[in-house]
Amino acid sequence: MTGQQVGFVGLGNMGGRMTRRLTGAGITVVGYDVRPGQAEAAGAVAAQSPAAVCAGSDCVLLSLPDSKVVESVVLGDGAGDHGLAGAASPGQVIIDLSTAAPASTRRIHAALAALGVEYLDAGISGGAAAAEKGTLTIMVGGSAAALDSIGWVFGPIASKVVLMGGSGAGHSTKLLNNFLNAVTLAATAEVMVAARKAGLDLAAVLDVINASSGVSYASTHRFPRIITGDYLEGGLTSELMTKDLVLYVDHVRELGVPCLNAAGPLASFGAASNLGYGNQISNRVVDAIGDLAGGVRLFSPASPASAASPASRAAGEEGAR
């Protein structure tokens, strides 16, 4: 569907890719990002403020770091900035594609509902590669009627859209999925480092795992490329993975569910951040575990210097002083 206008706040790693998909489908995007030039780089018409994206837009999409930022953008800062809530028109739909706390999502939903503005929480899965190809999975919480009214906006960016329930259900589902993602990624990374130290053929190990009970998305989609040196750069960082894990722990605590399996991935991605991989793709957790195992790498590039970890580079620089 063309001839429509979408507002978009947050044009970073995921938001920028989704914006390019929308503009490529003939949809006008009016975008805002705190970093100058991001809107233009994504092919959007640059707006001067988050609220400015509302004017003339059929709906507004958000792709932001966390609930604190989402609340500030949507509800304002309490010091004269009324955020999107002060600029949105009754009947307009705001769609939050961020990974956020369901309790915060429900508060925002209630505040906007009082103004006649619809709010959908729409967790996304698939990472940068799926955003690039327009094959994201989107899990939605909120009104079915609101989703039907703006369903066209998901066409260029997603291959699967599922209404999970009322407000907060989309973000709740996203946290549950991300927890499993973190567990299997961290555990598979540890196993592959152990396989390398055991002198096993890594491709053969993956072949066995993927035909056995240890199979996961990490073993089928990530590690066949990681062992060749392709870390699938551009996806969720270790710092953001840690943030999502903390959100998961808080969420299941609020639900009264025992959280017995979060310690491992929290330790793994926390270690990755502490060793200098925090702002790199979370797949680099395998290098952090490799550092702790004595400098193990699943793949060794031709140049030894390029294989050095942030921690070992820092140690080398210190020794050169």
Protein backbone atom coordinates (compact mmCIF):
# COMPACT_ATOMS: atom_id res chain seq x y z
CA MET A 1 0.00 0.00 0.00
CA THR A 2 1.59 3.26 -1.10
CA GLY A 3 0.64 6.90 -0.67
CA GLN A 4 0.81 6.55 3.10
CA GLN A 5 3.02 8.37 5.61
CA VAL A 6 4.65 6.83 8.65
CA GLY A 7 6.46 8.53 11.51
CA PHE A 8 9.51 6.73 12.88
CA VAL A 9 11.47 7.53 16.05
CA GLY A 10 14.76 5.68 16.52
CA LEU A 11 16.59 5.04 13.25
CA GLY A 12 19.52 3.00 14.48
CA ASN A 13 20.57 -0.56 13.75
CA MET A 14 17.03 -1.96 13.41
CA GLY A 15 14.98 1.20 12.89
CA GLY A 16 17.16 2.35 10.01
CA ARG A 17 16.82 -0.98 8.23
CA MET A 18 13.05 -1.03 8.69
CA THR A 19 12.80 2.54 7.43
CA ARG A 20 14.66 1.63 4.25
CA ARG A 21 12.24 -1.25 3.71
CA LEU A 22 9.26 1.09 4.12
CA THR A 23 10.60 3.77 1.81
CA GLY A 24 11.53 1.09 -0.71
CA ALA A 25 7.85 0.09 -0.74
CA GLY A 26 6.83 3.65 -1.61
CA ILE A 27 5.80 4.69 1.91
CA THR A 28 6.88 8.16 3.02
CA VAL A 29 8.72 8.05 6.36
CA VAL A 30 9.20 11.11 8.53
CA GLY A 31 11.93 10.15 10.98
CA TYR A 32 13.73 11.38 14.06
CA ASP A 33 16.88 10.14 15.74
CA VAL A 34 19.05 11.82 18.38
CA ARG A 35 22.05 11.38 16.08
CA PRO A 36 22.19 13.93 13.25
CA GLY A 37 22.03 12.47 9.78
CA GLN A 38 20.45 9.14 10.75
CA ALA A 39 17.07 9.99 9.21
CA GLU A 40 18.57 11.02 5.88
CA ALA A 41 20.86 7.97 5.85
CA ALA A 42 17.80 5.74 6.21
CA GLY A 43 15.95 7.53 3.41
CA ALA A 44 13.50 9.33 5.71
CA VAL A 45 12.43 12.95 5.78
CA ALA A 46 14.14 14.36 8.88
CA ALA A 47 11.94 15.75 11.67
CA GLN A 48 13.20 18.21 14.27
CA SER A 49 11.72 16.39 17.27
CA PRO A 50 9.98 13.12 18.14
CA ALA A 51 6.62 14.90 18.35
CA ALA A 52 7.09 16.35 14.87
CA VAL A 53 6.81 12.90 13.28
CA CYS A 54 3.12 12.77 14.20
CA ALA A 55 1.98 15.47 11.80
CA GLY A 56 0.40 13.87 8.73
CA SER A 57 1.40 10.34 9.72
CA ASP A 58 -1.09 7.48 9.73
CA CYS A 59 0.91 5.77 12.45
CA VAL A 60 4.15 6.24 14.38
CA LEU A 61 6.75 3.52 14.90
CA LEU A 62 9.26 3.47 17.75
CA SER A 63 12.55 1.53 17.90
CA LEU A 64 14.23 2.66 21.11
CA PRO A 65 16.73 1.24 23.65
CA ASP A 66 14.52 0.70 26.71
CA SER A 67 11.33 1.59 28.59
CA LYS A 68 12.84 4.71 30.16
CA VAL A 69 13.52 6.20 26.73
CA VAL A 70 10.15 5.04 25.39
CA GLU A 71 8.32 6.71 28.28
CA SER A 72 10.25 9.95 27.74
CA VAL A 73 9.52 9.97 24.00
CA VAL A 74 5.84 9.08 24.33
CA LEU A 75 4.83 10.86 27.53
CA GLY A 76 7.41 13.67 27.64
CA ASP A 77 9.91 14.66 30.30
CA GLY A 78 7.47 16.36 32.67
CA ALA A 79 9.14 19.75 32.09
CA GLY A 80 7.00 21.15 29.33
CA ASP A 81 7.77 18.42 26.79
CA HIS A 82 4.56 16.44 26.28
CA GLY A 83 6.10 13.97 23.87
CA LEU A 84 4.11 12.08 21.27
CA ALA A 85 1.10 12.14 23.59
CA GLY A 86 0.90 15.91 23.20
CA ALA A 87 1.14 15.77 19.41
CA ALA A 88 -0.78 12.64 18.41
CA SER A 89 -4.34 12.91 17.11
CA PRO A 90 -7.27 10.83 18.36
CA GLY A 91 -7.37 7.61 16.37
CA GLN A 92 -3.67 7.72 15.54
CA VAL A 93 -1.73 4.51 16.26
CA ILE A 94 1.67 4.42 17.96
CA ILE A 95 3.55 1.13 17.57
CA ASP A 96 6.43 0.32 19.91
CA LEU A 97 8.89 -2.07 18.26
CA SER A 98 11.34 -1.80 21.18
CA THR A 99 12.08 -4.50 23.74
CA ALA A 100 10.43 -3.00 26.81
CA ALA A 101 8.98 -3.83 30.22
CA PRO A 102 5.34 -4.98 29.88
CA ALA A 103 4.31 -3.06 33.04
CA SER A 104 5.63 0.19 31.51
CA THR A 105 3.91 -0.66 28.24
CA ARG A 106 0.55 -1.04 29.96
CA ARG A 107 0.97 2.33 31.72
CA ILE A 108 1.70 4.06 28.43
CA HIS A 109 -1.25 2.29 26.81
CA ALA A 110 -3.62 3.55 29.52
CA ALA A 111 -2.30 7.13 29.27
CA LEU A 112 -2.73 7.20 25.50
CA ALA A 113 -6.13 5.50 25.60
CA ALA A 114 -7.40 8.41 27.71
CA LEU A 115 -6.45 10.67 24.77
CA GLY A 116 -8.07 8.43 22.16
CA VAL A 117 -4.69 7.30 20.81
CA GLU A 118 -4.03 3.60 20.16
CA TYR A 119 -0.82 2.01 21.43
CA LEU A 120 0.46 -1.34 20.19
CA ASP A 121 3.48 -3.11 21.67
CA ALA A 122 5.12 -5.01 18.85
CA GLY A 123 8.19 -7.02 19.78
CA ILE A 124 10.32 -8.00 16.80
CA SER A 125 12.53 -11.04 16.23
CA GLY A 126 14.92 -12.00 13.49
CA GLY A 127 17.72 -9.50 13.96
CA ALA A 128 19.43 -7.26 11.46
CA ALA A 129 19.40 -9.86 8.68
CA ALA A 130 15.62 -10.27 8.83
CA ALA A 131 15.14 -6.50 9.07
CA GLU A 132 17.25 -6.11 5.94
CA LYS A 133 15.18 -8.69 4.05
CA GLY A 134 11.79 -7.72 5.48
CA THR A 135 11.25 -11.10 7.12
CA LEU A 136 10.90 -10.12 10.78
CA THR A 137 8.51 -11.91 13.13
CA ILE A 138 6.35 -9.40 15.01
CA MET A 139 4.45 -10.27 18.21
CA VAL A 140 1.76 -7.70 18.97
CA GLY A 141 -0.11 -6.66 22.10
CA GLY A 142 -3.15 -4.39 22.05
CA SER A 143 -6.32 -3.85 20.06
CA ALA A 144 -7.11 -6.18 17.16
CA ALA A 145 -8.97 -3.33 15.46
CA ALA A 146 -5.93 -1.05 15.75
CA LEU A 147 -3.71 -3.78 14.31
CA ASP A 148 -6.10 -4.30 11.40
CA SER A 149 -6.13 -0.58 10.68
CA ILE A 150 -2.36 -0.32 10.25
CA GLY A 151 -1.53 -3.87 9.17
CA TRP A 152 -0.22 -2.55 5.84
CA VAL A 153 2.78 -0.98 7.59
CA PHE A 154 4.11 -4.42 8.54
CA GLY A 155 3.97 -5.74 4.96
CA PRO A 156 7.42 -4.48 3.89
CA ILE A 157 9.18 -5.42 7.14
CA ALA A 158 7.70 -8.70 8.40
CA SER A 159 6.82 -12.16 7.16
CA LYS A 160 4.88 -13.12 10.30
CA VAL A 161 2.67 -10.93 12.52
CA VAL A 162 0.85 -12.50 15.47
CA LEU A 163 -1.59 -10.78 17.85
CA MET A 164 -0.64 -12.20 21.27
CA GLY A 165 -3.33 -10.54 23.39
CA GLY A 166 -3.99 -7.25 25.15
CA SER A 167 -1.56 -4.47 25.98
CA GLY A 168 1.83 -5.79 27.11
CA ALA A 169 1.37 -9.24 25.56
CA GLY A 170 3.68 -8.49 22.64
CA HIS A 171 6.50 -7.26 24.85
CA SER A 172 5.97 -10.13 27.29
CA THR A 173 6.30 -12.66 24.46
CA LYS A 174 9.43 -10.89 23.22
CA LEU A 175 11.11 -11.16 26.64
CA LEU A 176 10.30 -14.87 26.87
CA ASN A 177 11.71 -15.49 23.40
CA ASN A 178 14.82 -13.38 24.06
CA PHE A 179 15.55 -15.32 27.23
CA LEU A 180 15.62 -18.60 25.29
CA ASN A 181 17.76 -16.92 22.65
CA ALA A 182 20.26 -15.82 25.32
CA VAL A 183 20.36 -19.24 27.00
CA THR A 184 20.99 -21.19 23.80
CA LEU A 185 23.49 -18.68 22.39
CA ALA A 186 25.58 -18.58 25.58
CA ALA A 187 25.41 -22.36 26.10
CA THR A 188 26.28 -23.18 22.49
CA ALA A 189 29.19 -20.72 22.62
CA GLU A 190 30.57 -22.50 25.69
CA VAL A 191 30.16 -25.91 24.06
CA MET A 192 31.91 -24.81 20.87
CA VAL A 193 34.86 -23.39 22.81
CA ALA A 194 35.10 -26.70 24.66
CA ALA A 195 34.93 -28.56 21.33
CA ARG A 196 37.82 -26.49 20.00
CA LYS A 197 39.92 -27.20 23.11
CA ALA A 198 39.08 -30.90 22.79
CA GLY A 199 40.53 -30.85 19.29
CA LEU A 200 37.25 -31.75 17.59
CA ASP A 201 36.25 -30.80 14.05
CA LEU A 202 33.80 -27.95 14.66
CA ALA A 203 31.75 -28.50 11.51
CA ALA A 204 31.34 -32.16 12.43
CA VAL A 205 30.32 -31.22 15.98
CA LEU A 206 27.63 -28.89 14.65
CA ASP A 207 26.45 -31.56 12.21
CA VAL A 208 25.95 -33.97 15.12
CA ILE A 209 24.33 -31.37 17.39
CA ASN A 210 21.91 -30.30 14.66
CA ALA A 211 20.80 -33.89 14.20
CA SER A 212 20.53 -34.46 17.95
CA SER A 213 18.78 -33.19 21.05
CA GLY A 214 21.11 -30.21 21.52
CA VAL A 215 19.88 -28.47 18.36
CA SER A 216 18.86 -24.79 18.60
CA TYR A 217 18.64 -21.63 16.51
CA ALA A 218 22.18 -20.83 17.64
CA SER A 219 23.55 -24.15 16.42
CA THR A 220 21.67 -24.12 13.11
CA HIS A 221 21.80 -20.45 12.09
CA ARG A 222 24.65 -18.79 13.96
CA PHE A 223 27.54 -21.14 14.59
CA PRO A 224 27.87 -22.62 11.09
CA ARG A 225 28.87 -19.07 10.07
CA ILE A 226 30.77 -18.13 13.24
CA ILE A 227 33.19 -21.03 12.80
CA THR A 228 34.09 -19.54 9.39
CA GLY A 229 34.77 -16.12 10.95
CA ASP A 230 31.39 -14.54 10.09
CA TYR A 231 29.89 -13.18 13.31
CA LEU A 232 26.78 -11.83 11.55
CA GLU A 233 27.66 -8.29 12.60
CA GLY A 234 24.90 -5.72 13.07
CA GLY A 235 22.62 -7.58 15.45
CA LEU A 236 21.80 -7.30 19.14
CA THR A 237 24.82 -6.34 21.26
CA SER A 238 25.90 -8.03 24.48
CA GLU A 239 24.93 -4.93 26.47
CA LEU A 240 21.42 -4.97 25.00
CA MET A 241 21.17 -8.73 25.54
CA THR A 242 22.02 -8.17 29.21
CA LYS A 243 19.37 -5.45 29.41
CA ASP A 244 16.79 -7.85 27.94
CA LEU A 245 17.78 -10.56 30.43
CA VAL A 246 17.29 -8.18 33.35
CA LEU A 247 13.85 -7.25 31.95
CA TYR A 248 13.02 -10.96 31.75
CA VAL A 249 14.08 -11.58 35.35
CA ASP A 250 11.97 -8.65 36.56
CA HIS A 251 8.99 -9.79 34.47
CA VAL A 252 8.90 -13.40 35.67
CA ARG A 253 9.41 -12.20 39.26
CA GLU A 254 6.31 -10.01 38.88
CA LEU A 255 4.46 -13.06 37.51
CA GLY A 256 5.50 -15.15 40.52
CA VAL A 257 7.50 -17.61 38.41
CA PRO A 258 10.83 -18.87 39.81
CA CYS A 259 13.78 -17.71 37.73
CA LEU A 260 16.23 -20.59 37.96
CA ASN A 261 18.13 -20.41 34.68
CA ALA A 262 19.10 -16.76 34.20
CA ALA A 263 22.43 -16.85 36.06
CA GLY A 264 24.33 -18.54 33.22
CA PRO A 265 23.47 -16.15 30.37
CA LEU A 266 23.70 -13.12 32.66
CA ALA A 267 27.23 -14.20 33.61
CA SER A 268 28.16 -14.92 29.98
CA PHE A 269 26.98 -11.64 28.47
CA GLY A 270 28.15 -9.70 31.51
CA ALA A 271 31.61 -11.18 31.01
CA ALA A 272 31.46 -10.24 27.32
CA SER A 273 30.76 -6.63 28.28
CA ASN A 274 33.50 -6.58 30.90
CA LEU A 275 36.02 -7.98 28.42
CA GLY A 276 35.31 -5.27 25.85
CA TYR A 277 32.63 -6.83 23.66
CA GLY A 278 29.64 -4.95 25.11
CA ASN A 279 28.93 -2.84 22.04
CA GLN A 280 29.59 -5.68 19.60
CA ILE A 281 27.08 -8.27 18.41
CA SER A 282 26.12 -10.73 21.14
CA ASN A 283 27.53 -13.60 19.05
CA ARG A 284 30.93 -12.34 20.24
CA VAL A 285 30.12 -13.94 23.59
CA VAL A 286 31.96 -16.95 22.16
CA ASP A 287 35.15 -14.88 22.04
CA ALA A 288 34.63 -13.72 25.62
CA ILE A 289 34.30 -17.34 26.75
CA GLY A 290 37.31 -18.14 24.58
CA ASP A 291 39.30 -15.41 26.35
CA LEU A 292 38.44 -16.94 29.71
CA ALA A 293 39.49 -20.36 28.37
CA GLY A 294 42.98 -19.12 27.49
CA GLY A 295 42.48 -17.23 24.23
CA VAL A 296 40.52 -19.79 22.23
CA ARG A 297 39.07 -18.78 18.85
CA LEU A 298 36.81 -20.93 16.73
CA PHE A 299 38.24 -19.35 13.59
CA SER A 300 41.76 -18.00 13.12
CA PRO A 301 42.13 -15.35 10.38
CA ALA A 302 45.28 -15.19 8.29
CA SER A 303 46.51 -12.16 10.21
CA PRO A 304 47.27 -12.95 13.89
CA ALA A 305 46.86 -9.27 14.79
CA SER A 306 43.28 -9.17 13.55
CA ALA A 307 42.40 -12.14 15.78
CA ALA A 308 43.40 -10.36 18.97
CA SER A 309 40.59 -9.80 21.46
CA PRO A 310 39.90 -6.37 23.01
CA ALA A 311 41.31 -7.71 26.28
CA SER A 312 44.51 -9.05 24.70
CA ARG A 313 44.98 -5.89 22.63
CA ALA A 314 44.70 -3.82 25.80
CA ALA A 315 47.24 -6.05 27.52
CA GLY A 316 49.61 -5.67 24.58
CA GLU A 317 49.26 -1.90 24.61
CA GLU A 318 49.93 -1.85 28.35
CA GLY A 319 53.04 -3.97 27.88
CA ALA A 320 54.32 -1.61 25.18
CA ARG A 321 54.17 1.43 27.44
